[in-house]
């Protein structure tokens, strides 16, 4: 299960979701797909649940979505955006 970190806050600006780390002031922008994943992580969520929702919202095959979600979560974890629970 994955959940987002409380150390980041953000807001939708144009087509990107811009985020700022509360303590460090670092910022980044999420594209539409990454934002869709981020929004799902408000509560603990499994990769399978994320993939299921993405395949309903975007034209993507489940296998491709699973690979992309796993890679994205790895990058997000490296940035301190998410953690496993």
Protein backbone atom coordinates (compact mmCIF):
# COMPACT_ATOMS: atom_id res chain seq x y z
CA UNK A 1 0.00 0.00 0.00
CA UNK A 2 1.17 3.51 -0.82
CA UNK A 3 0.26 6.87 0.68
CA UNK A 4 1.36 10.42 -0.03
CA UNK A 5 3.55 12.38 2.35
CA UNK A 6 2.05 15.19 4.42
CA UNK A 7 5.24 17.22 3.85
CA UNK A 8 4.04 18.44 0.44
CA UNK A 9 1.25 20.84 -0.49
CA UNK A 10 0.08 21.81 -3.93
CA UNK A 11 -2.33 23.51 -6.22
CA UNK A 12 -3.56 23.16 -9.78
CA UNK A 13 -1.99 25.80 -12.05
CA UNK A 14 -2.99 25.59 -15.71
CA UNK A 15 -2.42 21.97 -16.77
CA UNK A 16 0.04 21.06 -14.02
CA UNK A 17 -0.26 20.38 -10.32
CA UNK A 18 2.51 22.41 -8.68
CA UNK A 19 3.79 21.20 -5.31
CA UNK A 20 6.02 22.69 -2.61
CA UNK A 21 7.79 20.85 0.20
CA UNK A 22 6.75 22.55 3.44
CA UNK A 23 10.16 22.45 5.16
CA UNK A 24 12.69 22.70 2.34
CA UNK A 25 10.84 24.94 -0.11
CA UNK A 26 11.65 22.57 -2.99
CA UNK A 27 9.00 22.53 -5.65
CA UNK A 28 7.97 20.39 -8.59
CA UNK A 29 5.11 20.02 -11.05
CA UNK A 30 3.10 16.90 -11.75
CA UNK A 31 1.64 16.20 -15.16
CA UNK A 32 -1.95 15.02 -15.53
CA UNK A 33 -1.17 11.34 -15.04
CA UNK A 34 1.13 11.84 -12.06
CA UNK A 35 -1.47 14.15 -10.52
CA UNK A 36 -4.14 11.47 -11.01
CA UNK A 37 -1.94 9.04 -9.06
CA UNK A 38 -1.16 11.65 -6.39
CA UNK A 39 -4.87 12.35 -5.84
CA UNK A 40 -5.53 8.64 -5.27
CA UNK A 41 -2.87 8.46 -2.57
CA UNK A 42 -4.71 10.62 -0.03
CA UNK A 43 -5.47 7.36 1.77
CA UNK A 44 -3.45 4.12 1.57
CA UNK A 45 -3.92 2.65 -1.89
CA UNK A 46 -2.52 -0.41 -3.65
CA UNK A 47 -0.88 -0.41 -7.06
CA UNK A 48 -3.75 -2.58 -8.33
CA UNK A 49 -6.31 0.03 -7.21
CA UNK A 50 -4.36 2.83 -8.86
CA UNK A 51 -4.02 0.86 -12.11
CA UNK A 52 -7.73 0.02 -12.10
CA UNK A 53 -8.71 3.69 -11.76
CA UNK A 54 -6.20 4.84 -14.39
CA UNK A 55 -7.43 2.32 -16.95
CA UNK A 56 -10.95 3.67 -16.40
CA UNK A 57 -9.84 7.29 -16.82
CA UNK A 58 -7.20 7.02 -19.55
CA UNK A 59 -6.82 4.93 -22.67
CA UNK A 60 -4.11 2.61 -21.40
CA UNK A 61 -3.71 -1.13 -21.18
CA UNK A 62 -3.53 -2.59 -17.65
CA UNK A 63 -0.02 -4.04 -18.13
CA UNK A 64 1.38 -0.76 -19.43
CA UNK A 65 -0.36 1.15 -16.64
CA UNK A 66 1.05 -1.21 -13.99
CA UNK A 67 4.60 -0.72 -15.28
CA UNK A 68 4.19 3.05 -15.46
CA UNK A 69 2.63 3.28 -11.99
CA UNK A 70 5.41 1.18 -10.45
CA UNK A 71 8.07 3.38 -12.07
CA UNK A 72 6.26 6.57 -11.05
CA UNK A 73 5.86 5.45 -7.43
CA UNK A 74 9.58 4.65 -7.33
CA UNK A 75 10.43 8.17 -8.52
CA UNK A 76 7.91 9.70 -6.13
CA UNK A 77 9.35 7.70 -3.24
CA UNK A 78 12.84 8.92 -4.12
CA UNK A 79 11.59 12.51 -3.93
CA UNK A 80 9.86 11.91 -0.61
CA UNK A 81 6.38 12.41 -2.09
CA UNK A 82 5.07 8.98 -1.08
CA UNK A 83 5.78 6.19 1.34
CA UNK A 84 4.69 2.60 1.77
CA UNK A 85 2.33 1.81 4.62
